Protein backbone atom coordinates (compact mmCIF):
# COMPACT_ATOMS: atom_id res chain seq x y z
CA MET A 1 34.20 -20.47 92.99
CA LYS A 2 33.79 -17.08 91.36
CA TYR A 3 31.18 -16.38 88.73
CA LEU A 4 30.60 -13.37 86.71
CA CYS A 5 26.90 -12.72 86.09
CA LEU A 6 26.79 -10.27 83.06
CA VAL A 7 23.45 -8.68 82.81
CA TYR A 8 22.27 -7.73 79.19
CA SER A 9 19.05 -5.99 78.04
CA ASP A 10 17.69 -3.85 75.43
CA GLU A 11 18.11 -0.46 76.82
CA THR A 12 14.91 0.78 74.95
CA LEU A 13 13.02 -1.85 76.87
CA LEU A 14 14.99 -1.92 80.29
CA HIS A 15 12.92 0.83 81.98
CA SER A 16 9.72 1.08 79.91
CA VAL A 17 8.04 -2.37 80.06
CA PRO A 18 5.69 -3.17 82.97
CA ASP A 19 8.03 -5.81 84.45
CA SER A 20 10.98 -3.80 84.35
CA PRO A 21 12.71 -3.57 87.65
CA LYS A 22 13.22 -0.18 89.45
CA ASP A 23 16.54 0.71 91.16
CA PRO A 24 15.19 0.04 94.64
CA GLU A 25 14.35 -3.59 93.79
CA CYS A 26 17.86 -3.99 92.22
CA HIS A 27 19.76 -2.39 95.12
CA ALA A 28 17.55 -4.48 97.56
CA TYR A 29 18.58 -7.67 95.66
CA ALA A 30 22.26 -6.68 95.57
CA GLU A 31 21.96 -6.06 99.28
CA ALA A 32 20.41 -9.50 99.91
CA VAL A 33 23.26 -11.32 97.84
CA HIS A 34 25.80 -9.21 99.71
CA GLY A 35 24.23 -10.13 103.26
CA SER A 36 24.44 -14.04 102.02
CA GLY A 37 28.14 -13.66 101.81
CA ARG A 38 28.41 -14.29 98.02
CA MET A 39 28.59 -10.89 96.69
CA LEU A 40 32.02 -9.84 95.74
CA ALA A 41 31.18 -6.71 93.40
CA ALA A 42 28.38 -5.44 91.47
CA GLU A 43 27.95 -2.44 89.21
CA ALA A 44 25.23 -0.91 86.83
CA LEU A 45 26.65 0.64 83.66
CA GLU A 46 25.56 3.95 82.14
CA SER A 47 23.88 3.74 78.78
CA VAL A 48 26.02 2.06 75.85
CA THR A 49 25.58 5.76 74.13
CA THR A 50 28.21 6.80 76.97
CA ALA A 51 30.79 4.32 75.64
CA THR A 52 33.12 6.71 73.99
CA THR A 53 36.13 4.63 73.11
CA THR A 54 36.91 1.04 72.02
CA VAL A 55 40.30 0.04 72.45
CA ARG A 56 42.21 -3.03 70.59
CA MET A 57 45.90 -3.77 70.06
CA ARG A 58 46.81 -5.74 67.06
CA ASN A 59 50.33 -6.62 65.96
CA GLY A 60 51.78 -4.18 68.66
CA LYS A 61 49.49 -1.18 67.29
CA LEU A 62 47.01 0.45 69.58
CA SER A 63 43.79 1.06 67.69
CA ILE A 64 41.13 3.51 69.10
CA THR A 65 37.47 3.68 67.87
CA ASP A 66 34.87 6.08 68.74
CA GLY A 67 32.00 4.69 70.45
CA PRO A 68 30.76 1.29 71.67
CA PHE A 69 32.08 -2.01 70.32
CA ALA A 70 29.26 -3.27 68.48
CA GLU A 71 25.52 -2.62 67.97
CA THR A 72 23.55 -5.59 69.17
CA LYS A 73 19.87 -5.86 70.48
CA GLU A 74 21.03 -6.19 74.11
CA GLN A 75 23.68 -4.22 75.69
CA LEU A 76 25.68 -4.78 78.74
CA ALA A 77 23.70 -3.17 81.38
CA GLY A 78 25.71 -4.36 84.49
CA PHE A 79 27.52 -7.35 86.40
CA TYR A 80 27.49 -9.14 89.55
CA LEU A 81 30.82 -11.04 90.53
CA ILE A 82 29.76 -13.62 93.08
CA GLU A 83 31.20 -16.43 94.97
CA ALA A 84 29.24 -19.59 94.61
CA ARG A 85 29.74 -23.38 95.76
CA ASP A 86 28.92 -24.59 92.02
CA LEU A 87 27.36 -23.41 88.74
CA ASN A 88 23.86 -24.44 90.09
CA GLU A 89 24.02 -21.82 92.88
CA ALA A 90 25.44 -19.34 90.51
CA ILE A 91 22.48 -19.97 88.26
CA GLN A 92 20.13 -19.54 91.25
CA VAL A 93 21.72 -16.24 92.16
CA ALA A 94 21.60 -15.04 88.40
CA GLY A 95 17.86 -16.25 88.20
CA GLY A 96 17.11 -13.56 91.03
CA ILE A 97 18.58 -10.67 89.40
CA PRO A 98 15.60 -8.38 88.79
CA ALA A 99 16.80 -7.45 85.27
CA ALA A 100 16.57 -11.10 84.04
CA ARG A 101 12.90 -10.57 83.75
CA VAL A 102 13.50 -8.17 80.71
CA GLY A 103 16.72 -9.07 79.48
CA SER A 104 19.16 -11.83 80.11
CA VAL A 105 22.16 -12.76 82.44
CA GLU A 106 25.07 -14.68 81.14
CA VAL A 107 26.82 -16.68 83.94
CA ARG A 108 30.49 -17.48 83.51
CA PRO A 109 33.01 -18.93 85.88
CA VAL A 110 36.05 -16.83 86.44
CA ARG A 111 39.38 -18.44 85.34
CA GLU A 112 42.17 -18.42 87.64
CA LEU A 113 45.46 -17.15 86.01
CA ASN A 114 48.25 -19.48 86.26
CA LEU A 115 51.02 -17.17 87.49
């Protein structure tokens, strides 16, 4: 089953607290998950300040708003799309993501579309 691990962190803390992961550690963990055959995709995102546009479609009308969707204490920093046997295995992978030490990782199953 596919799971999306959404990595959230406070951007002001992500690279400034002592337990913050550095890029080489994050890359090494992603390589380890890839080597295990569970990695489908992973990417880090640029700062939320680079979000230039939010798009919504309401009642057939396109609405474009400047800037990120909402201000929150934690921002979406990146994601891992993995293949796991079950939720327990997905949680184990998510728990190893280095940024989980200073932020949080939301684990969500990917829903198959009924086409």
